[in-house]
N, C-alpha and C. Protein backbone atom coordinates (compact mmCIF):
# COMPACT_ATOMS: atom_id res chain seq x y z
N MET A 1 10.26 3.89 -36.04
CA MET A 1 10.98 5.20 -35.94
C MET A 1 9.93 6.49 -35.82
N LEU A 2 8.91 6.37 -36.76
CA LEU A 2 7.90 7.46 -36.80
C LEU A 2 7.13 7.40 -35.47
N LYS A 3 6.84 6.34 -35.01
CA LYS A 3 6.07 6.02 -33.77
C LYS A 3 6.91 6.92 -32.64
N LYS A 4 8.27 6.47 -32.58
CA LYS A 4 9.08 7.16 -31.57
C LYS A 4 9.19 8.76 -31.80
N PHE A 5 9.21 9.18 -33.08
CA PHE A 5 9.15 10.58 -33.27
C PHE A 5 7.89 11.26 -32.87
N LEU A 6 6.83 10.65 -33.19
CA LEU A 6 5.48 11.13 -32.83
C LEU A 6 5.20 11.23 -31.27
N LYS A 7 5.75 10.21 -30.57
CA LYS A 7 5.71 10.25 -29.07
C LYS A 7 6.63 11.46 -28.51
N LEU A 8 7.59 11.54 -29.12
CA LEU A 8 8.64 12.73 -28.83
C LEU A 8 7.83 14.02 -29.11
N GLN A 9 7.21 14.24 -30.23
CA GLN A 9 6.54 15.36 -30.57
C GLN A 9 5.33 15.72 -29.64
N ARG A 10 4.68 14.59 -29.10
CA ARG A 10 3.60 14.74 -28.17
C ARG A 10 4.13 15.37 -26.94
N LEU A 11 5.36 14.84 -26.33
CA LEU A 11 6.06 15.12 -25.15
C LEU A 11 6.30 16.63 -25.38
N ILE A 12 6.79 16.91 -26.50
CA ILE A 12 7.33 18.42 -26.72
C ILE A 12 6.13 19.42 -26.71
N LEU A 13 4.97 18.97 -27.35
CA LEU A 13 3.77 19.73 -27.34
C LEU A 13 3.21 19.92 -25.68
N TYR A 14 3.30 18.97 -25.17
CA TYR A 14 2.85 18.98 -23.55
C TYR A 14 3.74 19.88 -22.95
N TYR A 15 5.05 19.94 -23.16
CA TYR A 15 6.01 20.74 -22.41
C TYR A 15 5.64 22.21 -22.94
N GLY A 16 5.45 22.39 -24.19
CA GLY A 16 5.07 23.79 -24.71
C GLY A 16 3.84 24.40 -24.12
N VAL A 17 2.86 23.63 -23.90
CA VAL A 17 1.70 23.98 -23.29
C VAL A 17 1.85 24.38 -21.83
N LEU A 18 2.57 23.42 -21.25
CA LEU A 18 2.88 23.60 -19.83
C LEU A 18 3.66 24.90 -19.57
N GLN A 19 4.66 25.05 -20.40
CA GLN A 19 5.45 26.26 -20.25
C GLN A 19 4.68 27.69 -20.57
N SER A 20 3.79 27.53 -21.50
CA SER A 20 2.74 28.59 -21.92
C SER A 20 2.05 28.94 -20.61
N LEU A 21 1.41 27.95 -19.95
CA LEU A 21 0.54 28.08 -18.89
C LEU A 21 1.34 28.66 -17.70
N HIS A 22 2.63 28.11 -17.50
CA HIS A 22 3.56 28.48 -16.49
C HIS A 22 3.77 30.05 -16.62
N LEU A 23 3.99 30.52 -17.87
CA LEU A 23 4.23 31.99 -18.16
C LEU A 23 3.04 32.72 -17.67
N LEU A 24 1.82 32.34 -18.03
CA LEU A 24 0.54 33.10 -17.65
C LEU A 24 0.38 33.07 -16.11
N VAL A 25 0.70 32.12 -15.45
CA VAL A 25 0.54 31.93 -14.02
C VAL A 25 1.58 32.85 -13.48
N LEU A 26 2.73 32.94 -13.93
CA LEU A 26 3.82 33.87 -13.32
C LEU A 26 3.34 35.29 -13.68
N LEU A 27 2.97 35.67 -14.84
CA LEU A 27 2.50 37.02 -15.12
C LEU A 27 1.36 37.48 -14.25
N ARG A 28 0.44 36.45 -14.04
CA ARG A 28 -0.81 36.87 -12.99
C ARG A 28 -0.28 37.14 -11.75
N ALA A 29 0.70 36.24 -11.28
CA ALA A 29 1.24 36.33 -9.86
C ALA A 29 1.99 37.70 -9.77
N GLY A 30 2.73 37.99 -10.73
CA GLY A 30 3.46 39.27 -10.69
C GLY A 30 2.54 40.51 -10.73
N ILE A 31 1.60 40.42 -11.59
CA ILE A 31 0.60 41.48 -11.48
C ILE A 31 -0.16 41.64 -10.17
N LEU A 32 -0.66 40.60 -9.77
CA LEU A 32 -1.36 40.62 -8.31
C LEU A 32 -0.43 40.96 -7.21
N LEU A 33 0.81 40.46 -7.18
CA LEU A 33 1.85 41.00 -6.21
C LEU A 33 2.09 42.36 -6.30
N LEU A 34 2.25 42.98 -7.56
CA LEU A 34 2.58 44.39 -7.66
C LEU A 34 1.39 45.35 -7.21
N THR A 35 0.20 44.92 -7.67
CA THR A 35 -0.97 45.81 -7.49
C THR A 35 -1.79 45.55 -6.27
N THR A 36 -1.76 44.40 -5.69
CA THR A 36 -2.59 44.14 -4.49
C THR A 36 -1.67 43.87 -3.15
N SER A 37 -0.46 43.44 -3.44
CA SER A 37 0.59 43.02 -2.30
C SER A 37 -0.06 41.66 -1.73
N THR A 38 -0.76 41.05 -2.50
CA THR A 38 -1.27 39.67 -2.11
C THR A 38 -0.38 38.55 -2.58
N ILE A 39 -0.17 37.49 -2.01
CA ILE A 39 0.64 36.35 -2.42
C ILE A 39 -0.24 35.28 -3.06
N PRO A 40 -0.04 35.44 -4.44
CA PRO A 40 -0.99 34.32 -5.09
C PRO A 40 -0.27 33.03 -5.30
N PHE A 41 -1.20 32.12 -6.14
CA PHE A 41 -0.54 30.96 -6.49
C PHE A 41 0.45 31.33 -7.57
N PRO A 42 1.51 30.90 -7.86
CA PRO A 42 2.16 29.57 -7.35
C PRO A 42 3.02 29.71 -6.09
N ILE A 43 3.06 30.65 -5.52
CA ILE A 43 3.87 30.93 -4.33
C ILE A 43 3.14 31.15 -3.00
N LEU A 44 2.10 30.22 -2.93
CA LEU A 44 1.23 30.28 -1.69
C LEU A 44 2.04 30.21 -0.44
N PRO A 45 1.86 31.00 0.60
CA PRO A 45 2.96 30.98 1.70
C PRO A 45 2.46 29.93 2.75
N PRO A 46 3.35 29.58 3.67
CA PRO A 46 2.89 28.81 4.72
C PRO A 46 2.18 29.59 5.80
N SER A 47 1.57 28.90 6.80
CA SER A 47 0.69 29.83 7.71
C SER A 47 1.35 30.86 8.38
N THR A 48 2.59 30.92 8.45
CA THR A 48 3.48 31.87 9.18
C THR A 48 3.83 33.01 8.04
N GLY A 49 3.57 32.79 6.85
CA GLY A 49 3.94 33.79 5.84
C GLY A 49 5.36 33.55 5.26
N TRP A 50 5.70 34.08 4.26
CA TRP A 50 7.19 34.22 3.75
C TRP A 50 8.02 34.98 4.53
N GLN A 51 9.20 34.50 4.95
CA GLN A 51 10.21 35.37 5.64
C GLN A 51 10.80 36.38 4.78
N ALA A 52 11.20 37.60 5.09
CA ALA A 52 11.59 38.58 4.27
C ALA A 52 12.91 38.10 3.41
N GLN A 53 13.73 37.29 3.92
CA GLN A 53 14.85 36.73 2.97
C GLN A 53 14.36 35.93 2.02
N THR A 54 13.03 35.32 2.11
CA THR A 54 12.75 34.39 0.99
C THR A 54 12.25 35.11 -0.23
N TRP A 55 11.96 36.29 -0.15
CA TRP A 55 11.46 37.13 -1.40
C TRP A 55 12.54 37.23 -2.49
N PRO A 56 13.80 37.53 -2.20
CA PRO A 56 14.87 37.58 -3.17
C PRO A 56 15.01 36.19 -3.89
N PHE A 57 14.96 34.99 -3.09
CA PHE A 57 15.02 33.79 -3.68
C PHE A 57 13.84 33.58 -4.53
N LEU A 58 12.50 33.82 -4.20
CA LEU A 58 11.47 33.57 -5.03
C LEU A 58 11.48 34.37 -6.27
N LEU A 59 11.88 35.57 -6.22
CA LEU A 59 11.88 36.54 -7.37
C LEU A 59 12.96 36.14 -8.41
N GLY A 60 14.14 35.77 -7.76
CA GLY A 60 15.20 35.45 -8.57
C GLY A 60 14.85 34.14 -9.40
N LEU A 61 14.21 33.16 -8.69
CA LEU A 61 13.81 31.93 -9.32
C LEU A 61 12.81 32.18 -10.46
N ALA A 62 11.71 33.22 -10.07
CA ALA A 62 10.79 33.61 -11.21
C ALA A 62 11.53 33.99 -12.38
N GLY A 63 12.67 34.81 -12.12
CA GLY A 63 13.40 35.57 -13.31
C GLY A 63 14.07 34.39 -14.19
N MET A 64 14.60 33.44 -13.55
CA MET A 64 15.29 32.40 -14.25
C MET A 64 14.09 31.51 -14.94
N ASP A 65 12.96 31.28 -14.31
CA ASP A 65 11.77 30.64 -14.89
C ASP A 65 11.44 31.24 -16.26
N VAL A 66 11.34 32.68 -16.30
CA VAL A 66 10.90 33.14 -17.35
C VAL A 66 11.91 32.91 -18.52
N ILE A 67 13.22 33.03 -18.23
CA ILE A 67 14.13 32.64 -19.37
C ILE A 67 13.98 31.30 -19.80
N GLY A 68 13.90 30.28 -18.84
CA GLY A 68 13.57 28.87 -19.25
C GLY A 68 12.31 28.76 -20.07
N ILE A 69 11.20 29.43 -19.58
CA ILE A 69 9.99 29.34 -20.21
C ILE A 69 10.06 29.83 -21.69
N LEU A 70 10.70 30.93 -21.81
CA LEU A 70 10.70 31.54 -23.20
C LEU A 70 11.45 30.55 -24.13
N LEU A 71 12.51 29.84 -23.60
CA LEU A 71 13.44 29.09 -24.48
C LEU A 71 12.55 27.66 -24.73
N GLY A 72 11.84 27.31 -23.69
CA GLY A 72 10.86 26.13 -23.97
C GLY A 72 9.89 26.36 -24.86
N ILE A 73 9.20 27.42 -24.92
CA ILE A 73 8.22 27.82 -25.97
C ILE A 73 8.82 27.89 -27.35
N ILE A 74 9.89 28.52 -27.47
CA ILE A 74 10.71 28.48 -28.84
C ILE A 74 10.85 27.19 -29.27
N PHE A 75 11.41 26.27 -28.30
CA PHE A 75 11.71 24.91 -28.66
C PHE A 75 10.41 24.08 -28.94
N ALA A 76 9.39 24.36 -28.38
CA ALA A 76 8.03 23.64 -28.70
C ALA A 76 7.54 24.04 -30.08
N VAL A 77 7.52 25.48 -30.14
CA VAL A 77 7.03 25.96 -31.53
C VAL A 77 7.88 25.51 -32.72
N ARG A 78 9.10 25.57 -32.51
CA ARG A 78 10.01 25.15 -33.66
C ARG A 78 9.84 23.62 -34.07
N SER A 79 9.57 22.89 -32.97
CA SER A 79 9.27 21.41 -33.10
C SER A 79 7.96 21.18 -33.61
N GLN A 80 6.93 21.83 -33.32
CA GLN A 80 5.53 21.55 -33.72
C GLN A 80 5.41 22.11 -35.02
N PHE A 81 5.82 23.25 -35.42
CA PHE A 81 5.47 24.04 -36.84
C PHE A 81 6.57 23.85 -37.75
N LYS A 82 7.82 23.52 -37.34
CA LYS A 82 8.82 23.37 -38.46
C LYS A 82 9.30 21.97 -38.41
N GLY A 83 8.84 20.94 -37.54
CA GLY A 83 9.28 19.80 -37.45
C GLY A 83 10.74 19.55 -37.15
N VAL A 84 11.23 20.42 -36.59
CA VAL A 84 12.73 20.35 -36.12
C VAL A 84 12.93 20.21 -34.65
N VAL A 85 13.38 19.23 -34.19
CA VAL A 85 13.66 19.02 -32.73
C VAL A 85 15.13 19.58 -32.51
N ASP A 86 15.02 20.66 -31.92
CA ASP A 86 16.32 21.42 -31.55
C ASP A 86 16.91 20.88 -30.19
N GLN A 87 17.59 19.76 -30.30
CA GLN A 87 18.04 19.03 -29.10
C GLN A 87 18.61 20.00 -28.06
N LYS A 88 19.64 20.82 -28.55
CA LYS A 88 20.35 21.63 -27.67
C LYS A 88 19.48 22.70 -26.85
N LEU A 89 18.56 23.33 -27.75
CA LEU A 89 17.74 24.14 -27.07
C LEU A 89 16.76 23.54 -26.02
N GLY A 90 16.42 22.35 -26.43
CA GLY A 90 15.27 21.69 -25.65
C GLY A 90 16.12 21.36 -24.31
N LEU A 91 17.33 20.86 -24.47
CA LEU A 91 18.15 20.40 -23.24
C LEU A 91 18.29 21.61 -22.30
N ILE A 92 18.70 22.71 -22.99
CA ILE A 92 18.98 23.98 -22.05
C ILE A 92 17.58 24.47 -21.33
N SER A 93 16.60 24.39 -21.98
CA SER A 93 15.37 25.00 -21.45
C SER A 93 14.88 23.93 -20.34
N LEU A 94 15.10 22.69 -20.70
CA LEU A 94 14.57 21.74 -19.72
C LEU A 94 15.57 21.65 -18.45
N THR A 95 16.76 21.89 -18.69
CA THR A 95 17.85 21.95 -17.58
C THR A 95 17.22 23.16 -16.62
N ILE A 96 17.11 24.30 -17.30
CA ILE A 96 16.68 25.48 -16.41
C ILE A 96 15.30 25.09 -15.73
N PHE A 97 14.35 24.43 -16.41
CA PHE A 97 12.95 24.10 -15.73
C PHE A 97 13.20 23.13 -14.69
N ILE A 98 14.01 22.02 -14.98
CA ILE A 98 14.14 21.01 -13.92
C ILE A 98 15.00 21.43 -12.72
N SER A 99 15.95 22.12 -13.02
CA SER A 99 16.81 22.67 -11.84
C SER A 99 16.02 23.58 -10.97
N GLY A 100 15.32 24.57 -11.60
CA GLY A 100 14.39 25.47 -11.04
C GLY A 100 13.31 24.78 -10.08
N ALA A 101 12.66 23.76 -10.65
CA ALA A 101 11.64 22.95 -9.81
C ALA A 101 12.33 22.30 -8.73
N ILE A 102 13.46 21.86 -8.79
CA ILE A 102 14.16 21.27 -7.70
C ILE A 102 14.45 22.23 -6.62
N ILE A 103 15.02 23.34 -7.06
CA ILE A 103 15.46 24.39 -6.15
C ILE A 103 14.17 25.05 -5.52
N PHE A 104 12.98 25.13 -6.28
CA PHE A 104 11.68 25.57 -5.66
C PHE A 104 11.34 24.62 -4.49
N ALA A 105 11.27 23.31 -4.97
CA ALA A 105 10.81 22.52 -3.96
C ALA A 105 11.84 22.46 -2.69
N ALA A 106 13.11 22.55 -2.79
CA ALA A 106 14.01 22.60 -1.70
C ALA A 106 13.84 23.69 -0.86
N GLY A 107 13.46 25.02 -1.49
CA GLY A 107 13.15 26.12 -0.81
C GLY A 107 11.89 26.24 -0.03
N THR A 108 10.75 25.48 -0.58
CA THR A 108 9.51 25.74 -0.19
C THR A 108 8.91 24.61 0.51
N LEU A 109 9.40 23.37 0.42
CA LEU A 109 8.93 22.32 1.09
C LEU A 109 9.27 22.25 2.58
N PRO A 110 10.38 22.72 2.97
CA PRO A 110 10.65 22.81 4.54
C PRO A 110 9.84 23.83 5.25
N SER A 111 9.43 24.91 4.53
CA SER A 111 8.66 25.86 5.12
C SER A 111 7.24 25.60 5.66
N GLY A 112 6.70 24.38 5.04
CA GLY A 112 5.34 24.01 5.39
C GLY A 112 4.48 24.48 4.51
N ALA A 113 4.82 25.17 3.41
CA ALA A 113 3.83 25.72 2.41
C ALA A 113 2.99 24.52 1.67
N TRP A 114 3.80 23.35 1.40
CA TRP A 114 3.31 22.29 0.70
C TRP A 114 2.21 21.58 1.65
N SER A 115 2.29 21.55 2.93
CA SER A 115 1.34 20.87 3.81
C SER A 115 0.17 21.88 3.90
N GLN A 116 0.39 23.19 3.88
CA GLN A 116 -0.66 24.17 3.88
C GLN A 116 -1.51 24.20 2.69
N HIS A 117 -0.96 23.92 1.53
CA HIS A 117 -1.64 24.13 0.28
C HIS A 117 -1.16 22.81 -0.52
N PRO A 118 -1.70 21.69 -0.16
CA PRO A 118 -1.18 20.38 -0.85
C PRO A 118 -1.62 20.30 -2.24
N ILE A 119 -3.03 20.62 -2.53
CA ILE A 119 -3.46 20.57 -3.99
C ILE A 119 -2.69 21.55 -4.97
N ALA A 120 -2.31 22.68 -4.49
CA ALA A 120 -1.61 23.58 -5.31
C ALA A 120 -0.16 22.95 -5.67
N TYR A 121 0.50 22.74 -4.55
CA TYR A 121 1.93 22.35 -4.73
C TYR A 121 2.19 20.89 -5.40
N TRP A 122 1.32 19.93 -4.79
CA TRP A 122 1.37 18.56 -5.45
C TRP A 122 0.78 18.53 -6.73
N GLY A 123 -0.03 19.47 -7.09
CA GLY A 123 -0.54 19.47 -8.51
C GLY A 123 0.37 20.00 -9.47
N MET A 124 1.30 20.93 -8.97
CA MET A 124 2.33 21.42 -9.90
C MET A 124 3.31 20.38 -9.91
N ALA A 125 3.66 19.60 -8.80
CA ALA A 125 4.59 18.42 -8.95
C ALA A 125 4.05 17.43 -10.07
N LEU A 126 2.87 17.08 -10.03
CA LEU A 126 2.14 16.04 -10.87
C LEU A 126 2.26 16.67 -12.27
N LEU A 127 2.00 17.90 -12.68
CA LEU A 127 1.95 18.27 -14.01
C LEU A 127 3.52 18.21 -14.55
N PHE A 128 4.40 18.46 -13.68
CA PHE A 128 5.99 18.39 -13.90
C PHE A 128 6.50 17.00 -14.47
N LEU A 129 5.78 15.98 -13.94
CA LEU A 129 6.47 14.73 -14.18
C LEU A 129 6.88 14.28 -15.48
N PRO A 130 6.02 14.54 -16.58
CA PRO A 130 6.58 14.08 -17.88
C PRO A 130 7.95 14.85 -18.28
N CYS A 131 8.28 16.01 -17.60
CA CYS A 131 9.44 16.70 -18.05
C CYS A 131 10.80 16.00 -17.90
N PRO A 132 11.05 15.46 -16.85
CA PRO A 132 12.30 14.60 -16.76
C PRO A 132 12.37 13.51 -17.69
N TYR A 133 11.10 13.02 -18.07
CA TYR A 133 11.18 11.85 -19.20
C TYR A 133 11.62 12.52 -20.50
N LEU A 134 10.95 13.73 -20.92
CA LEU A 134 11.34 14.37 -22.09
C LEU A 134 12.83 14.63 -22.08
N PHE A 135 13.44 15.25 -20.91
CA PHE A 135 14.84 15.51 -20.77
C PHE A 135 15.62 14.17 -21.27
N TYR A 136 15.23 13.13 -20.57
CA TYR A 136 15.94 11.80 -20.90
C TYR A 136 15.84 11.50 -22.31
N GLN A 137 14.71 11.69 -23.00
CA GLN A 137 14.51 11.35 -24.38
C GLN A 137 15.58 12.20 -25.30
N LEU A 138 15.61 13.55 -24.99
CA LEU A 138 16.38 14.39 -25.71
C LEU A 138 17.90 14.12 -25.56
N ILE A 139 18.27 13.79 -24.13
CA ILE A 139 19.65 13.43 -23.89
C ILE A 139 20.26 12.19 -24.55
N THR A 140 19.20 11.22 -24.81
CA THR A 140 19.61 9.91 -25.27
C THR A 140 19.48 9.92 -26.82
N MET A 141 18.91 10.94 -27.47
CA MET A 141 18.98 11.20 -28.93
C MET A 141 20.30 11.15 -29.42
N PRO A 142 20.48 10.61 -30.64
CA PRO A 142 21.81 10.83 -31.34
C PRO A 142 22.08 12.41 -31.58
N LEU A 143 23.37 12.77 -31.43
CA LEU A 143 23.70 14.18 -31.56
C LEU A 143 23.31 14.70 -32.97
N GLU A 144 22.81 15.94 -33.09
CA GLU A 144 22.43 16.50 -34.36
C GLU A 144 23.51 16.37 -35.37
N ASN A 145 24.69 16.59 -35.04
CA ASN A 145 25.74 16.80 -36.00
C ASN A 145 26.57 15.41 -36.28
N GLU A 146 26.03 14.46 -35.58
CA GLU A 146 26.66 13.06 -35.48
C GLU A 146 26.08 12.25 -36.64
N SER A 147 26.84 11.79 -37.49
CA SER A 147 26.21 10.75 -38.60
C SER A 147 26.53 9.25 -37.97
N PRO A 148 25.58 8.31 -38.02
CA PRO A 148 25.83 7.00 -37.52
C PRO A 148 26.97 6.30 -38.19
N ASN A 149 27.19 6.69 -39.55
CA ASN A 149 28.14 5.98 -40.41
C ASN A 149 29.55 6.59 -40.34
N GLU A 150 29.62 7.70 -39.75
CA GLU A 150 31.03 8.35 -39.70
C GLU A 150 31.88 7.87 -38.52
N PRO A 151 33.03 7.66 -38.83
CA PRO A 151 33.93 7.13 -37.74
C PRO A 151 34.19 8.22 -36.72
N THR A 152 34.34 7.98 -35.46
CA THR A 152 34.53 9.01 -34.52
C THR A 152 36.20 9.13 -34.32
N PRO A 153 36.61 10.34 -34.38
CA PRO A 153 38.16 10.32 -34.14
C PRO A 153 38.59 10.00 -32.79
């Protein structure tokens, strides 16, 4: 049981570090976008550039990312420093992160951006891989309020 908990804690630590780096990358991208009008990583454009209607999509997705990132960091910090695995908070933050990643891929893959910048986009996908496994681990945990000896109504 302890071994399983430690494995879960390592996954949560990875997720917290990943989300912290994600936040730094988004902050850097936002600053560069506002100050220089260049399009930096993580939204490197296809060779034709991003179409005008793509910008609201990307900015809206970034806004949702920030909410998920902050929840993910809180989840990881509580887990690592207080030893509390807040299952609900973890599932909420991972749901935002995973759905955002799927939407990001669905919106950027057909544009050709992934083939133009394969290392950047596939590198992000590779870093993301442990997150669905963490989601699975959290969703299959016994509920926090559920006692294994209590009869269910």
